[in-house]
Amino acid sequence: MNSQSWTRLWPVAFITVIGFGCGTQKVLTENDNIPASYVDADGTNETLSPDTLRNPFPHLLMTDGRITLNDRCPVRKAILNKRLPALFVNGQPLGFC
């Protein structure tokens, strides 16, 4: 092969080699980051709706068993919303309103 054909082929070869390393990432399914219910900070007393008298700002229990780090929305300082998926930071879920 002459140098002109290598000039045309090197981008294809580069993309092909780089593409082989991209398949090792974990693909999140739809149910991996969905809040399941409200819980206390220690993970006890699970309820489907927030109990504003005993615990005005409950944490969220995720479907995989993890509990959110925060008990209120970082944006509005309101109660966390179960309908919004959590954002994972260093493997820990953060809830939003």
N, C-alpha and C. Protein backbone atom coordinates (compact mmCIF):
# COMPACT_ATOMS: atom_id res chain seq x y z
N MET A 1 0.84 -1.18 0.00
CA MET A 1 0.00 0.00 0.00
C MET A 1 0.88 1.24 0.00
N ASN A 2 0.41 2.21 -0.67
CA ASN A 2 1.16 3.46 -0.69
C ASN A 2 0.70 4.37 0.45
N SER A 3 1.38 5.46 0.64
CA SER A 3 1.10 6.34 1.77
C SER A 3 -0.27 7.02 1.66
N GLN A 4 -0.77 7.19 0.46
CA GLN A 4 -2.06 7.84 0.29
C GLN A 4 -3.20 6.93 0.80
N SER A 5 -3.12 5.62 0.58
CA SER A 5 -4.17 4.74 1.08
C SER A 5 -4.10 4.59 2.59
N TRP A 6 -2.90 4.66 3.22
CA TRP A 6 -2.81 4.63 4.68
C TRP A 6 -3.41 5.89 5.29
N THR A 7 -3.26 7.00 4.59
CA THR A 7 -3.83 8.25 5.08
C THR A 7 -5.35 8.15 5.13
N ARG A 8 -5.93 7.44 4.21
CA ARG A 8 -7.39 7.29 4.20
C ARG A 8 -7.86 6.24 5.20
N LEU A 9 -7.06 5.23 5.49
CA LEU A 9 -7.49 4.13 6.34
C LEU A 9 -7.22 4.33 7.82
N TRP A 10 -6.28 5.18 8.22
CA TRP A 10 -5.95 5.26 9.63
C TRP A 10 -7.11 5.74 10.49
N PRO A 11 -8.00 6.68 10.03
CA PRO A 11 -9.12 7.05 10.90
C PRO A 11 -10.08 5.87 11.15
N VAL A 12 -10.30 5.04 10.15
CA VAL A 12 -11.17 3.87 10.30
C VAL A 12 -10.55 2.88 11.28
N ALA A 13 -9.25 2.65 11.15
CA ALA A 13 -8.57 1.73 12.06
C ALA A 13 -8.58 2.27 13.49
N PHE A 14 -8.39 3.55 13.65
CA PHE A 14 -8.38 4.17 14.98
C PHE A 14 -9.74 4.04 15.65
N ILE A 15 -10.80 4.33 14.94
CA ILE A 15 -12.15 4.24 15.49
C ILE A 15 -12.49 2.79 15.82
N THR A 16 -12.06 1.86 15.01
CA THR A 16 -12.32 0.45 15.27
C THR A 16 -11.62 -0.01 16.54
N VAL A 17 -10.38 0.37 16.72
CA VAL A 17 -9.64 -0.04 17.92
C VAL A 17 -10.23 0.61 19.16
N ILE A 18 -10.58 1.87 19.11
CA ILE A 18 -11.17 2.57 20.24
C ILE A 18 -12.54 1.97 20.57
N GLY A 19 -13.28 1.59 19.58
CA GLY A 19 -14.63 1.03 19.79
C GLY A 19 -14.63 -0.26 20.55
N PHE A 20 -13.57 -1.05 20.51
CA PHE A 20 -13.54 -2.31 21.24
C PHE A 20 -13.49 -2.10 22.75
N GLY A 21 -12.97 -1.00 23.23
CA GLY A 21 -12.89 -0.75 24.65
C GLY A 21 -14.15 -0.16 25.26
N CYS A 22 -15.12 0.22 24.44
CA CYS A 22 -16.31 0.89 24.96
C CYS A 22 -17.38 -0.08 25.45
N GLY A 23 -17.26 -1.36 25.22
CA GLY A 23 -18.30 -2.30 25.59
C GLY A 23 -18.24 -2.78 27.02
N THR A 24 -17.32 -2.28 27.85
CA THR A 24 -17.18 -2.78 29.20
C THR A 24 -17.97 -1.98 30.23
N GLN A 25 -18.66 -0.91 29.84
CA GLN A 25 -19.40 -0.10 30.78
C GLN A 25 -20.73 -0.76 31.12
N LYS A 26 -21.17 -0.59 32.39
CA LYS A 26 -22.46 -1.13 32.81
C LYS A 26 -23.57 -0.27 32.24
N VAL A 27 -24.50 -0.90 31.60
CA VAL A 27 -25.64 -0.19 31.05
C VAL A 27 -26.75 -0.21 32.09
N LEU A 28 -27.20 0.99 32.48
CA LEU A 28 -28.27 1.07 33.46
C LEU A 28 -29.60 0.73 32.80
N THR A 29 -30.37 -0.10 33.47
CA THR A 29 -31.70 -0.40 32.98
C THR A 29 -32.66 0.66 33.48
N GLU A 30 -33.89 0.57 33.05
CA GLU A 30 -34.88 1.57 33.40
C GLU A 30 -35.19 1.55 34.90
N ASN A 31 -35.08 0.40 35.55
CA ASN A 31 -35.46 0.27 36.95
C ASN A 31 -34.30 0.47 37.91
N ASP A 32 -33.10 0.78 37.46
CA ASP A 32 -31.95 0.91 38.35
C ASP A 32 -31.97 2.17 39.20
N ASN A 33 -32.57 3.23 38.72
CA ASN A 33 -32.53 4.47 39.48
C ASN A 33 -33.90 5.06 39.73
N ILE A 34 -34.89 4.21 39.96
CA ILE A 34 -36.25 4.67 40.23
C ILE A 34 -36.50 4.58 41.73
N PRO A 35 -36.92 5.67 42.36
CA PRO A 35 -37.26 5.61 43.78
C PRO A 35 -38.48 4.73 44.01
N ALA A 36 -38.43 3.90 45.06
CA ALA A 36 -39.52 2.98 45.35
C ALA A 36 -40.45 3.52 46.42
N SER A 37 -39.89 4.06 47.51
CA SER A 37 -40.72 4.53 48.61
C SER A 37 -39.93 5.51 49.47
N TYR A 38 -40.63 6.11 50.43
CA TYR A 38 -40.01 7.02 51.38
C TYR A 38 -39.58 6.23 52.62
N VAL A 39 -38.42 6.57 53.18
CA VAL A 39 -37.92 5.91 54.40
C VAL A 39 -37.29 6.95 55.33
N ASP A 40 -37.06 6.53 56.57
CA ASP A 40 -36.30 7.35 57.51
C ASP A 40 -34.83 7.33 57.11
N ALA A 41 -34.02 8.15 57.77
CA ALA A 41 -32.60 8.23 57.44
C ALA A 41 -31.87 6.92 57.66
N ASP A 42 -32.33 6.11 58.62
CA ASP A 42 -31.67 4.83 58.89
C ASP A 42 -32.25 3.68 58.07
N GLY A 43 -33.23 3.95 57.23
CA GLY A 43 -33.79 2.92 56.35
C GLY A 43 -34.97 2.18 56.93
N THR A 44 -35.45 2.56 58.10
CA THR A 44 -36.61 1.92 58.70
C THR A 44 -37.86 2.74 58.42
N ASN A 45 -38.99 2.20 58.81
CA ASN A 45 -40.27 2.90 58.69
C ASN A 45 -40.56 3.33 57.25
N GLU A 46 -40.67 2.36 56.37
CA GLU A 46 -40.92 2.60 54.95
C GLU A 46 -42.39 2.93 54.72
N THR A 47 -42.65 3.99 53.96
CA THR A 47 -44.01 4.39 53.60
C THR A 47 -44.07 4.76 52.13
N LEU A 48 -45.26 4.67 51.56
CA LEU A 48 -45.43 5.05 50.16
C LEU A 48 -45.65 6.54 49.97
N SER A 49 -46.15 7.21 51.01
CA SER A 49 -46.32 8.65 50.95
C SER A 49 -45.59 9.28 52.13
N PRO A 50 -45.12 10.51 52.00
CA PRO A 50 -44.36 11.13 53.08
C PRO A 50 -45.24 11.42 54.29
N ASP A 51 -44.74 11.13 55.47
CA ASP A 51 -45.42 11.43 56.72
C ASP A 51 -44.88 12.76 57.22
N THR A 52 -45.63 13.83 56.98
CA THR A 52 -45.12 15.17 57.27
C THR A 52 -45.11 15.51 58.75
N LEU A 53 -45.82 14.75 59.58
CA LEU A 53 -45.82 15.03 61.01
C LEU A 53 -44.61 14.43 61.71
N ARG A 54 -44.33 13.17 61.48
CA ARG A 54 -43.21 12.50 62.15
C ARG A 54 -41.88 12.71 61.45
N ASN A 55 -41.92 12.78 60.13
CA ASN A 55 -40.69 12.92 59.35
C ASN A 55 -40.98 13.84 58.16
N PRO A 56 -40.82 15.15 58.31
CA PRO A 56 -41.21 16.06 57.23
C PRO A 56 -40.35 15.95 55.97
N PHE A 57 -39.10 15.48 56.09
CA PHE A 57 -38.23 15.34 54.93
C PHE A 57 -37.64 13.93 54.91
N PRO A 58 -38.39 12.94 54.40
CA PRO A 58 -37.87 11.57 54.37
C PRO A 58 -36.88 11.36 53.23
N HIS A 59 -36.03 10.37 53.39
CA HIS A 59 -35.14 9.94 52.31
C HIS A 59 -35.93 9.05 51.35
N LEU A 60 -35.35 8.75 50.19
CA LEU A 60 -35.98 7.84 49.25
C LEU A 60 -35.24 6.51 49.23
N LEU A 61 -35.99 5.43 49.21
CA LEU A 61 -35.43 4.09 49.07
C LEU A 61 -35.51 3.73 47.60
N MET A 62 -34.37 3.38 46.99
CA MET A 62 -34.35 3.04 45.57
C MET A 62 -34.75 1.58 45.38
N THR A 63 -35.05 1.19 44.16
CA THR A 63 -35.46 -0.19 43.88
C THR A 63 -34.34 -1.19 44.12
N ASP A 64 -33.09 -0.75 44.07
CA ASP A 64 -31.98 -1.66 44.33
C ASP A 64 -31.58 -1.71 45.80
N GLY A 65 -32.32 -1.02 46.70
CA GLY A 65 -32.08 -1.07 48.12
C GLY A 65 -31.24 0.06 48.68
N ARG A 66 -30.71 0.93 47.83
CA ARG A 66 -29.90 2.05 48.32
C ARG A 66 -30.81 3.19 48.77
N ILE A 67 -30.33 3.98 49.73
CA ILE A 67 -31.07 5.12 50.26
C ILE A 67 -30.38 6.39 49.79
N THR A 68 -31.17 7.40 49.42
CA THR A 68 -30.59 8.66 48.94
C THR A 68 -29.79 9.34 50.04
N LEU A 69 -28.75 10.05 49.62
CA LEU A 69 -27.90 10.77 50.56
C LEU A 69 -28.61 11.98 51.15
N ASN A 70 -29.46 12.61 50.36
CA ASN A 70 -30.14 13.82 50.80
C ASN A 70 -31.58 13.52 51.22
N ASP A 71 -32.12 14.39 52.07
CA ASP A 71 -33.51 14.24 52.48
C ASP A 71 -34.40 15.34 51.93
N ARG A 72 -33.81 16.31 51.26
CA ARG A 72 -34.58 17.37 50.62
C ARG A 72 -33.91 17.76 49.30
N CYS A 73 -34.67 18.39 48.44
CA CYS A 73 -34.19 18.76 47.12
C CYS A 73 -33.07 19.80 47.21
N PRO A 74 -31.95 19.57 46.52
CA PRO A 74 -30.87 20.56 46.57
C PRO A 74 -31.21 21.85 45.83
N VAL A 75 -32.24 21.84 45.00
CA VAL A 75 -32.58 23.04 44.23
C VAL A 75 -33.55 23.93 44.99
N ARG A 76 -34.69 23.36 45.41
CA ARG A 76 -35.73 24.15 46.07
C ARG A 76 -35.85 23.92 47.57
N LYS A 77 -35.07 23.00 48.12
CA LYS A 77 -35.13 22.63 49.54
C LYS A 77 -36.51 22.09 49.92
N ALA A 78 -37.18 21.44 48.98
CA ALA A 78 -38.50 20.86 49.20
C ALA A 78 -38.36 19.34 49.36
N ILE A 79 -39.48 18.67 49.57
CA ILE A 79 -39.49 17.22 49.74
C ILE A 79 -39.08 16.55 48.42
N LEU A 80 -38.44 15.40 48.51
CA LEU A 80 -37.99 14.68 47.31
C LEU A 80 -39.18 14.08 46.57
N ASN A 81 -39.06 14.00 45.26
CA ASN A 81 -40.13 13.50 44.41
C ASN A 81 -39.83 12.07 43.99
N LYS A 82 -40.78 11.16 44.23
CA LYS A 82 -40.58 9.76 43.85
C LYS A 82 -40.67 9.53 42.35
N ARG A 83 -41.27 10.44 41.63
CA ARG A 83 -41.45 10.25 40.18
C ARG A 83 -40.21 10.60 39.36
N LEU A 84 -39.25 11.28 39.97
CA LEU A 84 -38.03 11.65 39.25
C LEU A 84 -36.92 10.64 39.53
N PRO A 85 -36.21 10.21 38.51
CA PRO A 85 -35.09 9.30 38.75
C PRO A 85 -33.96 10.01 39.50
N ALA A 86 -33.24 9.24 40.26
CA ALA A 86 -32.13 9.80 41.03
C ALA A 86 -30.90 9.98 40.15
N LEU A 87 -30.04 10.87 40.59
CA LEU A 87 -28.75 11.08 39.95
C LEU A 87 -27.71 10.41 40.83
N PHE A 88 -26.88 9.55 40.25
CA PHE A 88 -25.88 8.83 41.03
C PHE A 88 -24.55 9.55 41.00
N VAL A 89 -24.01 9.85 42.18
CA VAL A 89 -22.71 10.49 42.33
C VAL A 89 -21.85 9.55 43.15
N ASN A 90 -20.77 9.07 42.56
CA ASN A 90 -19.89 8.09 43.21
C ASN A 90 -20.66 6.87 43.70
N GLY A 91 -21.64 6.45 42.93
CA GLY A 91 -22.41 5.26 43.27
C GLY A 91 -23.50 5.47 44.29
N GLN A 92 -23.70 6.69 44.76
CA GLN A 92 -24.74 6.98 45.75
C GLN A 92 -25.84 7.83 45.10
N PRO A 93 -27.11 7.50 45.35
CA PRO A 93 -28.20 8.25 44.71
C PRO A 93 -28.49 9.58 45.39
N LEU A 94 -28.81 10.57 44.58
CA LEU A 94 -29.26 11.89 45.04
C LEU A 94 -30.65 12.12 44.47
N GLY A 95 -31.61 12.44 45.32
CA GLY A 95 -32.97 12.70 44.88
C GLY A 95 -33.19 14.16 44.54
N PHE A 96 -34.24 14.42 43.75
CA PHE A 96 -34.57 15.78 43.33
C PHE A 96 -36.07 15.98 43.46
N CYS A 97 -36.48 17.25 43.37
CA CYS A 97 -37.90 17.58 43.48
C CYS A 97 -38.44 17.86 42.09
